[in-house]
Amino acid sequence: GHDRQIGTTGVVVNPDLYLAFGISGAVQHTAGLGHPDHIVSVNTDPHCPMMAMADLAVVADANATLDALAALLGFSQRIDDLDEPDAQEASHG
């Protein structure tokens, strides 16, 4: 729903730390960013707007980076589609 979206169709956030994995930085999204204290962006496109806004810009595949981070933190599984309420149940059989 719109309560889980940031930007013109969702909510405005003002986080201390904003992690942007695979977010290009389109105006429709950045309109909802408010004023984060710090932005970390992970994207394969080093020239996308979000990378220019970032305090730390990492040129890498967002999915691969999230998988590596999850493994480092000891998470055994990842839900790929948060919009499907039974995505986690479907993965269990």
PDB file of N, CA and C in Angstrom:
ATOM      1  N   GLY A   1       0.807  -1.178   0.000  1.00  0.00           N
ATOM      2  CA  GLY A   1       0.000   0.000   0.000  1.00  0.00           C
ATOM      3  C   GLY A   1       0.861   1.257   0.000  1.00  0.00           C
ATOM      4  N   HIS A   2       0.187   2.367  -0.100  1.00  0.00           N
ATOM      5  CA  HIS A   2       0.881   3.656  -0.147  1.00  0.00           C
ATOM      6  C   HIS A   2       1.595   3.992   1.157  1.00  0.00           C
ATOM      7  N   ASP A   3       1.170   3.378   2.267  1.00  0.00           N
ATOM      8  CA  ASP A   3       1.831   3.644   3.544  1.00  0.00           C
ATOM      9  C   ASP A   3       3.230   3.042   3.605  1.00  0.00           C
ATOM     10  N   ARG A   4       3.591   2.193   2.622  1.00  0.00           N
ATOM     11  CA  ARG A   4       4.924   1.592   2.574  1.00  0.00           C
ATOM     12  C   ARG A   4       5.771   2.195   1.452  1.00  0.00           C
ATOM     13  N   GLN A   5       5.250   3.230   0.800  1.00  0.00           N
ATOM     14  CA  GLN A   5       5.965   3.880  -0.289  1.00  0.00           C
ATOM     15  C   GLN A   5       6.449   5.250   0.161  1.00  0.00           C
ATOM     16  N   ILE A   6       7.590   5.635  -0.391  1.00  0.00           N
ATOM     17  CA  ILE A   6       8.153   6.951  -0.101  1.00  0.00           C
ATOM     18  C   ILE A   6       8.034   7.789  -1.361  1.00  0.00           C
ATOM     19  N   GLY A   7       7.572   9.005  -1.231  1.00  0.00           N
ATOM     20  CA  GLY A   7       7.514   9.894  -2.379  1.00  0.00           C
ATOM     21  C   GLY A   7       6.140  10.466  -2.620  1.00  0.00           C
ATOM     22  N   THR A   8       5.915  10.893  -3.861  1.00  0.00           N
ATOM     23  CA  THR A   8       4.680  11.600  -4.188  1.00  0.00           C
ATOM     24  C   THR A   8       3.439  10.742  -4.002  1.00  0.00           C
ATOM     25  N   THR A   9       3.541   9.409  -4.113  1.00  0.00           N
ATOM     26  CA  THR A   9       2.373   8.550  -3.902  1.00  0.00           C
ATOM     27  C   THR A   9       2.345   7.940  -2.510  1.00  0.00           C
ATOM     28  N   GLY A  10       3.309   8.299  -1.673  1.00  0.00           N
ATOM     29  CA  GLY A  10       3.389   7.692  -0.343  1.00  0.00           C
ATOM     30  C   GLY A  10       3.608   8.698   0.753  1.00  0.00           C
ATOM     31  N   VAL A  11       4.567   8.415   1.605  1.00  0.00           N
ATOM     32  CA  VAL A  11       4.826   9.234   2.785  1.00  0.00           C
ATOM     33  C   VAL A  11       6.155   9.972   2.664  1.00  0.00           C
ATOM     34  N   VAL A  12       6.348  10.961   3.532  1.00  0.00           N
ATOM     35  CA  VAL A  12       7.616  11.679   3.646  1.00  0.00           C
ATOM     36  C   VAL A  12       8.314  11.158   4.893  1.00  0.00           C
ATOM     37  N   VAL A  13       9.602  10.856   4.766  1.00  0.00           N
ATOM     38  CA  VAL A  13      10.379  10.357   5.902  1.00  0.00           C
ATOM     39  C   VAL A  13      11.533  11.306   6.191  1.00  0.00           C
ATOM     40  N   ASN A  14      11.986  11.332   7.423  1.00  0.00           N
ATOM     41  CA  ASN A  14      13.140  12.134   7.838  1.00  0.00           C
ATOM     42  C   ASN A  14      14.064  11.270   8.696  1.00  0.00           C
ATOM     43  N   PRO A  15      14.685  10.264   8.101  1.00  0.00           N
ATOM     44  CA  PRO A  15      15.502   9.344   8.897  1.00  0.00           C
ATOM     45  C   PRO A  15      16.884   9.902   9.212  1.00  0.00           C
ATOM     46  N   ASP A  16      17.500   9.333  10.237  1.00  0.00           N
ATOM     47  CA  ASP A  16      18.904   9.638  10.507  1.00  0.00           C
ATOM     48  C   ASP A  16      19.772   9.016   9.419  1.00  0.00           C
ATOM     49  N   LEU A  17      19.418   7.797   9.014  1.00  0.00           N
ATOM     50  CA  LEU A  17      20.166   7.060   7.994  1.00  0.00           C
ATOM     51  C   LEU A  17      19.186   6.492   6.987  1.00  0.00           C
ATOM     52  N   TYR A  18      19.383   6.815   5.711  1.00  0.00           N
ATOM     53  CA  TYR A  18      18.545   6.292   4.640  1.00  0.00           C
ATOM     54  C   TYR A  18      19.397   5.376   3.783  1.00  0.00           C
ATOM     55  N   LEU A  19      19.000   4.106   3.686  1.00  0.00           N
ATOM     56  CA  LEU A  19      19.709   3.132   2.863  1.00  0.00           C
ATOM     57  C   LEU A  19      18.936   2.959   1.566  1.00  0.00           C
ATOM     58  N   ALA A  20      19.552   3.321   0.454  1.00  0.00           N
ATOM     59  CA  ALA A  20      18.894   3.256  -0.851  1.00  0.00           C
ATOM     60  C   ALA A  20      19.527   2.135  -1.672  1.00  0.00           C
ATOM     61  N   PHE A  21      18.898   0.976  -1.674  1.00  0.00           N
ATOM     62  CA  PHE A  21      19.396  -0.166  -2.436  1.00  0.00           C
ATOM     63  C   PHE A  21      18.636  -0.248  -3.748  1.00  0.00           C
ATOM     64  N   GLY A  22      19.315   0.032  -4.859  1.00  0.00           N
ATOM     65  CA  GLY A  22      18.696  -0.049  -6.171  1.00  0.00           C
ATOM     66  C   GLY A  22      17.721   1.072  -6.470  1.00  0.00           C
ATOM     67  N   ILE A  23      17.804   2.168  -5.749  1.00  0.00           N
ATOM     68  CA  ILE A  23      16.917   3.322  -5.950  1.00  0.00           C
ATOM     69  C   ILE A  23      17.642   4.328  -6.836  1.00  0.00           C
ATOM     70  N   SER A  24      17.031   4.664  -7.978  1.00  0.00           N
ATOM     71  CA  SER A  24      17.707   5.554  -8.925  1.00  0.00           C
ATOM     72  C   SER A  24      17.716   7.005  -8.468  1.00  0.00           C
ATOM     73  N   GLY A  25      16.701   7.387  -7.705  1.00  0.00           N
ATOM     74  CA  GLY A  25      16.624   8.772  -7.255  1.00  0.00           C
ATOM     75  C   GLY A  25      15.681   9.604  -8.094  1.00  0.00           C
ATOM     76  N   ALA A  26      14.661   8.966  -8.666  1.00  0.00           N
ATOM     77  CA  ALA A  26      13.662   9.695  -9.443  1.00  0.00           C
ATOM     78  C   ALA A  26      12.983  10.729  -8.546  1.00  0.00           C
ATOM     79  N   VAL A  27      12.577  11.832  -9.132  1.00  0.00           N
ATOM     80  CA  VAL A  27      11.961  12.932  -8.394  1.00  0.00           C
ATOM     81  C   VAL A  27      10.745  12.451  -7.605  1.00  0.00           C
ATOM     82  N   GLN A  28       9.967  11.515  -8.168  1.00  0.00           N
ATOM     83  CA  GLN A  28       8.780  11.012  -7.484  1.00  0.00           C
ATOM     84  C   GLN A  28       9.145  10.342  -6.158  1.00  0.00           C
ATOM     85  N   HIS A  29      10.340   9.778  -6.064  1.00  0.00           N
ATOM     86  CA  HIS A  29      10.796   9.132  -4.829  1.00  0.00           C
ATOM     87  C   HIS A  29      11.475  10.141  -3.902  1.00  0.00           C
ATOM     88  N   THR A  30      12.391  10.912  -4.429  1.00  0.00           N
ATOM     89  CA  THR A  30      13.157  11.832  -3.586  1.00  0.00           C
ATOM     90  C   THR A  30      12.285  12.929  -2.976  1.00  0.00           C
ATOM     91  N   ALA A  31      11.112  13.176  -3.555  1.00  0.00           N
ATOM     92  CA  ALA A  31      10.185  14.159  -2.976  1.00  0.00           C
ATOM     93  C   ALA A  31       9.762  13.752  -1.571  1.00  0.00           C
ATOM     94  N   GLY A  32       9.839  12.472  -1.257  1.00  0.00           N
ATOM     95  CA  GLY A  32       9.431  11.993   0.051  1.00  0.00           C
ATOM     96  C   GLY A  32      10.563  11.767   1.022  1.00  0.00           C
ATOM     97  N   LEU A  33      11.772  12.143   0.641  1.00  0.00           N
ATOM     98  CA  LEU A  33      12.923  11.883   1.500  1.00  0.00           C
ATOM     99  C   LEU A  33      13.070  12.841   2.666  1.00  0.00           C
ATOM    100  N   GLY A  34      12.502  13.997   2.588  1.00  0.00           N
ATOM    101  CA  GLY A  34      12.717  14.953   3.671  1.00  0.00           C
ATOM    102  C   GLY A  34      14.189  15.326   3.715  1.00  0.00           C
ATOM    103  N   HIS A  35      14.790  15.276   4.899  1.00  0.00           N
ATOM    104  CA  HIS A  35      16.198  15.641   5.049  1.00  0.00           C
ATOM    105  C   HIS A  35      16.933  14.601   5.886  1.00  0.00           C
ATOM    106  N   PRO A  36      17.285  13.454   5.272  1.00  0.00           N
ATOM    107  CA  PRO A  36      18.032  12.446   6.033  1.00  0.00           C
ATOM    108  C   PRO A  36      19.393  12.987   6.452  1.00  0.00           C
ATOM    109  N   ASP A  37      19.863  12.579   7.635  1.00  0.00           N
ATOM    110  CA  ASP A  37      21.194  12.994   8.079  1.00  0.00           C
ATOM    111  C   ASP A  37      22.278  12.383   7.203  1.00  0.00           C
ATOM    112  N   HIS A  38      22.078  11.120   6.825  1.00  0.00           N
ATOM    113  CA  HIS A  38      23.063  10.414   6.000  1.00  0.00           C
ATOM    114  C   HIS A  38      22.341   9.529   4.997  1.00  0.00           C
ATOM    115  N   ILE A  39      22.891   9.455   3.782  1.00  0.00           N
ATOM    116  CA  ILE A  39      22.338   8.590   2.738  1.00  0.00           C
ATOM    117  C   ILE A  39      23.434   7.651   2.262  1.00  0.00           C
ATOM    118  N   VAL A  40      23.108   6.353   2.233  1.00  0.00           N
ATOM    119  CA  VAL A  40      23.986   5.345   1.644  1.00  0.00           C
ATOM    120  C   VAL A  40      23.237   4.798   0.439  1.00  0.00           C
ATOM    121  N   SER A  41      23.872   4.841  -0.727  1.00  0.00           N
ATOM    122  CA  SER A  41      23.238   4.372  -1.948  1.00  0.00           C
ATOM    123  C   SER A  41      24.048   3.241  -2.557  1.00  0.00           C
ATOM    124  N   VAL A  42      23.347   2.163  -2.938  1.00  0.00           N
ATOM    125  CA  VAL A  42      23.963   1.038  -3.638  1.00  0.00           C
ATOM    126  C   VAL A  42      23.232   0.905  -4.962  1.00  0.00           C
ATOM    127  N   ASN A  43      23.963   1.078  -6.066  1.00  0.00           N
ATOM    128  CA  ASN A  43      23.355   1.044  -7.389  1.00  0.00           C
ATOM    129  C   ASN A  43      24.416   0.694  -8.422  1.00  0.00           C
ATOM    130  N   THR A  44      24.005   0.028  -9.495  1.00  0.00           N
ATOM    131  CA  THR A  44      24.951  -0.297 -10.564  1.00  0.00           C
ATOM    132  C   THR A  44      25.240   0.910 -11.450  1.00  0.00           C
ATOM    133  N   ASP A  45      24.397   1.934 -11.378  1.00  0.00           N
ATOM    134  CA  ASP A  45      24.584   3.145 -12.186  1.00  0.00           C
ATOM    135  C   ASP A  45      25.252   4.233 -11.345  1.00  0.00           C
ATOM    136  N   PRO A  46      26.545   4.457 -11.568  1.00  0.00           N
ATOM    137  CA  PRO A  46      27.251   5.450 -10.757  1.00  0.00           C
ATOM    138  C   PRO A  46      26.793   6.886 -11.013  1.00  0.00           C
ATOM    139  N   HIS A  47      26.023   7.094 -12.088  1.00  0.00           N
ATOM    140  CA  HIS A  47      25.605   8.446 -12.458  1.00  0.00           C
ATOM    141  C   HIS A  47      24.140   8.743 -12.129  1.00  0.00           C
ATOM    142  N   CYS A  48      23.446   7.817 -11.474  1.00  0.00           N
ATOM    143  CA  CYS A  48      22.035   8.073 -11.154  1.00  0.00           C
ATOM    144  C   CYS A  48      21.945   9.145 -10.061  1.00  0.00           C
ATOM    145  N   PRO A  49      20.838   9.872 -10.002  1.00  0.00           N
ATOM    146  CA  PRO A  49      20.695  10.972  -9.040  1.00  0.00           C
ATOM    147  C   PRO A  49      20.915  10.572  -7.583  1.00  0.00           C
ATOM    148  N   MET A  50      20.487   9.381  -7.178  1.00  0.00           N
ATOM    149  CA  MET A  50      20.638   8.975  -5.781  1.00  0.00           C
ATOM    150  C   MET A  50      22.107   8.850  -5.397  1.00  0.00           C
ATOM    151  N   MET A  51      22.942   8.418  -6.326  1.00  0.00           N
ATOM    152  CA  MET A  51      24.372   8.293  -6.035  1.00  0.00           C
ATOM    153  C   MET A  51      24.984   9.673  -5.803  1.00  0.00           C
ATOM    154  N   ALA A  52      24.500  10.673  -6.530  1.00  0.00           N
ATOM    155  CA  ALA A  52      25.004  12.038  -6.348  1.00  0.00           C
ATOM    156  C   ALA A  52      24.562  12.612  -5.003  1.00  0.00           C
ATOM    157  N   MET A  53      23.410  12.170  -4.494  1.00  0.00           N
ATOM    158  CA  MET A  53      22.892  12.654  -3.212  1.00  0.00           C
ATOM    159  C   MET A  53      23.550  11.958  -2.023  1.00  0.00           C
ATOM    160  N   ALA A  54      24.164  10.808  -2.273  1.00  0.00           N
ATOM    161  CA  ALA A  54      24.635   9.944  -1.188  1.00  0.00           C
ATOM    162  C   ALA A  54      25.901  10.450  -0.506  1.00  0.00           C
ATOM    163  N   ASP A  55      25.958  10.220   0.808  1.00  0.00           N
ATOM    164  CA  ASP A  55      27.188  10.448   1.563  1.00  0.00           C
ATOM    165  C   ASP A  55      28.170   9.312   1.295  1.00  0.00           C
ATOM    166  N   LEU A  56      27.625   8.116   1.075  1.00  0.00           N
ATOM    167  CA  LEU A  56      28.418   6.944   0.710  1.00  0.00           C
ATOM    168  C   LEU A  56      27.738   6.296  -0.480  1.00  0.00           C
ATOM    169  N   ALA A  57      28.408   6.290  -1.633  1.00  0.00           N
ATOM    170  CA  ALA A  57      27.872   5.709  -2.858  1.00  0.00           C
ATOM    171  C   ALA A  57      28.662   4.452  -3.198  1.00  0.00           C
ATOM    172  N   VAL A  58      27.957   3.324  -3.293  1.00  0.00           N
ATOM    173  CA  VAL A  58      28.590   2.041  -3.587  1.00  0.00           C
ATOM    174  C   VAL A  58      28.098   1.576  -4.952  1.00  0.00           C
ATOM    175  N   VAL A  59      29.023   1.441  -5.904  1.00  0.00           N
ATOM    176  CA  VAL A  59      28.663   0.958  -7.232  1.00  0.00           C
ATOM    177  C   VAL A  59      28.697  -0.566  -7.190  1.00  0.00           C
ATOM    178  N   ALA A  60      27.498  -1.155  -7.078  1.00  0.00           N
ATOM    179  CA  ALA A  60      27.365  -2.606  -6.984  1.00  0.00           C
ATOM    180  C   ALA A  60      25.911  -2.984  -7.232  1.00  0.00           C
ATOM    181  N   ASP A  61      25.680  -4.264  -7.481  1.00  0.00           N
ATOM    182  CA  ASP A  61      24.330  -4.776  -7.644  1.00  0.00           C
ATOM    183  C   ASP A  61      23.629  -4.779  -6.281  1.00  0.00           C
ATOM    184  N   ALA A  62      22.476  -4.144  -6.196  1.00  0.00           N
ATOM    185  CA  ALA A  62      21.763  -4.018  -4.922  1.00  0.00           C
ATOM    186  C   ALA A  62      21.341  -5.375  -4.363  1.00  0.00           C
ATOM    187  N   ASN A  63      20.834  -6.273  -5.216  1.00  0.00           N
ATOM    188  CA  ASN A  63      20.403  -7.589  -4.738  1.00  0.00           C
ATOM    189  C   ASN A  63      21.568  -8.399  -4.202  1.00  0.00           C
ATOM    190  N   ALA A  64      22.679  -8.398  -4.919  1.00  0.00           N
ATOM    191  CA  ALA A  64      23.857  -9.144  -4.463  1.00  0.00           C
ATOM    192  C   ALA A  64      24.389  -8.561  -3.159  1.00  0.00           C
ATOM    193  N   THR A  65      24.357  -7.242  -3.042  1.00  0.00           N
ATOM    194  CA  THR A  65      24.830  -6.587  -1.822  1.00  0.00           C
ATOM    195  C   THR A  65      23.929  -6.926  -0.641  1.00  0.00           C
ATOM    196  N   LEU A  66      22.611  -6.916  -0.860  1.00  0.00           N
ATOM    197  CA  LEU A  66      21.678  -7.283   0.210  1.00  0.00           C
ATOM    198  C   LEU A  66      21.847  -8.744   0.622  1.00  0.00           C
ATOM    199  N   ASP A  67      22.053  -9.629  -0.359  1.00  0.00           N
ATOM    200  CA  ASP A  67      22.273 -11.043  -0.044  1.00  0.00           C
ATOM    201  C   ASP A  67      23.531 -11.222   0.798  1.00  0.00           C
ATOM    202  N   ALA A  68      24.605 -10.522   0.424  1.00  0.00           N
ATOM    203  CA  ALA A  68      25.861 -10.617   1.179  1.00  0.00           C
ATOM    204  C   ALA A  68      25.691 -10.044   2.588  1.00  0.00           C
ATOM    205  N   LEU A  69      24.976  -8.937   2.703  1.00  0.00           N
ATOM    206  CA  LEU A  69      24.725  -8.327   4.010  1.00  0.00           C
ATOM    207  C   LEU A  69      23.883  -9.254   4.889  1.00  0.00           C
ATOM    208  N   ALA A  70      22.853  -9.851   4.300  1.00  0.00           N
ATOM    209  CA  ALA A  70      21.999 -10.787   5.045  1.00  0.00           C
ATOM    210  C   ALA A  70      22.810 -11.976   5.542  1.00  0.00           C
ATOM    211  N   ALA A  71      23.697 -12.489   4.702  1.00  0.00           N
ATOM    212  CA  ALA A  71      24.544 -13.617   5.103  1.00  0.00           C
ATOM    213  C   ALA A  71      25.480 -13.210   6.234  1.00  0.00           C
ATOM    214  N   LEU A  72      26.052 -12.020   6.127  1.00  0.00           N
ATOM    215  CA  LEU A  72      26.934 -11.516   7.181  1.00  0.00           C
ATOM    216  C   LEU A  72      26.216 -11.379   8.516  1.00  0.00           C
ATOM    217  N   LEU A  73      24.958 -10.967   8.455  1.00  0.00           N
ATOM    218  CA  LEU A  73      24.169 -10.763   9.667  1.00  0.00           C
ATOM    219  C   LEU A  73      23.508 -12.046  10.168  1.00  0.00           C
ATOM    220  N   GLY A  74      23.673 -13.126   9.413  1.00  0.00           N
ATOM    221  CA  GLY A  74      23.146 -14.415   9.842  1.00  0.00           C
ATOM    222  C   GLY A  74      21.695 -14.681   9.490  1.00  0.00           C
ATOM    223  N   PHE A  75      21.138 -13.914   8.552  1.00  0.00           N
ATOM    224  CA  PHE A  75      19.769 -14.176   8.112  1.00  0.00           C
ATOM    225  C   PHE A  75      19.785 -15.327   7.123  1.00  0.00           C
ATOM    226  N   SER A  76      18.873 -16.280   7.289  1.00  0.00           N
ATOM    227  CA  SER A  76      18.895 -17.462   6.437  1.00  0.00           C
ATOM    228  C   SER A  76      17.997 -17.339   5.219  1.00  0.00           C
ATOM    229  N   GLN A  77      17.064 -16.406   5.219  1.00  0.00           N
ATOM    230  CA  GLN A  77      16.196 -16.253   4.064  1.00  0.00           C
ATOM    231  C   GLN A  77      15.813 -14.794   3.883  1.00  0.00           C
ATOM    232  N   ARG A  78      15.340 -14.494   2.668  1.00  0.00           N
ATOM    233  CA  ARG A  78      14.951 -13.137   2.330  1.00  0.00           C
ATOM    234  C   ARG A  78      13.597 -13.173   1.641  1.00  0.00           C
ATOM    235  N   ILE A  79      12.727 -12.259   1.979  1.00  0.00           N
ATOM    236  CA  ILE A  79      11.442 -12.150   1.298  1.00  0.00           C
ATOM    237  C   ILE A  79      11.645 -11.211   0.125  1.00  0.00           C
ATOM    238  N   ASP A  80      11.415 -11.723  -1.104  1.00  0.00           N
ATOM    239  CA  ASP A  80      11.683 -10.934  -2.296  1.00  0.00           C
ATOM    240  C   ASP A  80      10.588  -9.923  -2.613  1.00  0.00           C
ATOM    241  N   ASP A  81       9.339 -10.211  -2.258  1.00  0.00           N
ATOM    242  CA  ASP A  81       8.254  -9.308  -2.618  1.00  0.00           C
ATOM    243  C   ASP A  81       7.414  -8.994  -1.389  1.00  0.00           C
ATOM    244  N   LEU A  82       7.663  -7.853  -0.777  1.00  0.00           N
ATOM    245  CA  LEU A  82       6.948  -7.472   0.440  1.00  0.00           C
ATOM    246  C   LEU A  82       5.496  -7.092   0.181  1.00  0.00           C
ATOM    247  N   ASP A  83       5.117  -6.874  -1.091  1.00  0.00           N
ATOM    248  CA  ASP A  83       3.741  -6.515  -1.399  1.00  0.00           C
ATOM    249  C   ASP A  83       2.804  -7.715  -1.349  1.00  0.00           C
ATOM    250  N   GLU A  84       3.345  -8.937  -1.395  1.00  0.00           N
ATOM    251  CA  GLU A  84       2.518 -10.134  -1.322  1.00  0.00           C
ATOM    252  C   GLU A  84       2.470 -10.606   0.119  1.00  0.00           C
ATOM    253  N   PRO A  85       1.295 -10.506   0.779  1.00  0.00           N
ATOM    254  CA  PRO A  85       1.216 -10.856   2.195  1.00  0.00           C
ATOM    255  C   PRO A  85       1.587 -12.296   2.490  1.00  0.00           C
ATOM    256  N   ASP A  86       1.355 -13.224   1.557  1.00  0.00           N
ATOM    257  CA  ASP A  86       1.710 -14.600   1.851  1.00  0.00           C
ATOM    258  C   ASP A  86       2.959 -15.059   1.124  1.00  0.00           C
ATOM    259  N   ALA A  87       3.854 -14.129   0.776  1.00  0.00           N
ATOM    260  CA  ALA A  87       5.104 -14.501   0.114  1.00  0.00           C
ATOM    261  C   ALA A  87       5.940 -15.401   1.003  1.00  0.00           C
ATOM    262  N   GLN A  88       5.963 -15.109   2.308  1.00  0.00           N
ATOM    263  CA  GLN A  88       6.753 -15.923   3.224  1.00  0.00           C
ATOM    264  C   GLN A  88       6.121 -17.302   3.384  1.00  0.00           C
ATOM    265  N   GLU A  89       4.787 -17.372   3.467  1.00  0.00           N
ATOM    266  CA  GLU A  89       4.113 -18.660   3.589  1.00  0.00           C
ATOM    267  C   GLU A  89       4.342 -19.513   2.354  1.00  0.00           C
ATOM    268  N   ALA A  90       4.312 -18.894   1.164  1.00  0.00           N
ATOM    269  CA  ALA A  90       4.500 -19.633  -0.078  1.00  0.00           C
ATOM    270  C   ALA A  90       5.886 -20.254  -0.147  1.00  0.00           C
ATOM    271  N   SER A  91       6.869 -19.590   0.437  1.00  0.00           N
ATOM    272  CA  SER A  91       8.230 -20.120   0.385  1.00  0.00           C
ATOM    273  C   SER A  91       8.409 -21.317   1.313  1.00  0.00           C
ATOM    274  N   HIS A  92       7.442 -21.521   2.222  1.00  0.00           N
ATOM    275  CA  HIS A  92       7.542 -22.646   3.155  1.00  0.00           C
ATOM    276  C   HIS A  92       6.747 -23.862   2.694  1.00  0.00           C
ATOM    277  N   GLY A  93       6.123 -23.785   1.533  1.00  0.00           N
ATOM    278  CA  GLY A  93       5.505 -24.977   1.021  1.00  0.00           C
ATOM    279  C   GLY A  93       4.085 -24.882   0.777  1.00  0.00           C
TER     280      GLY A  93
END
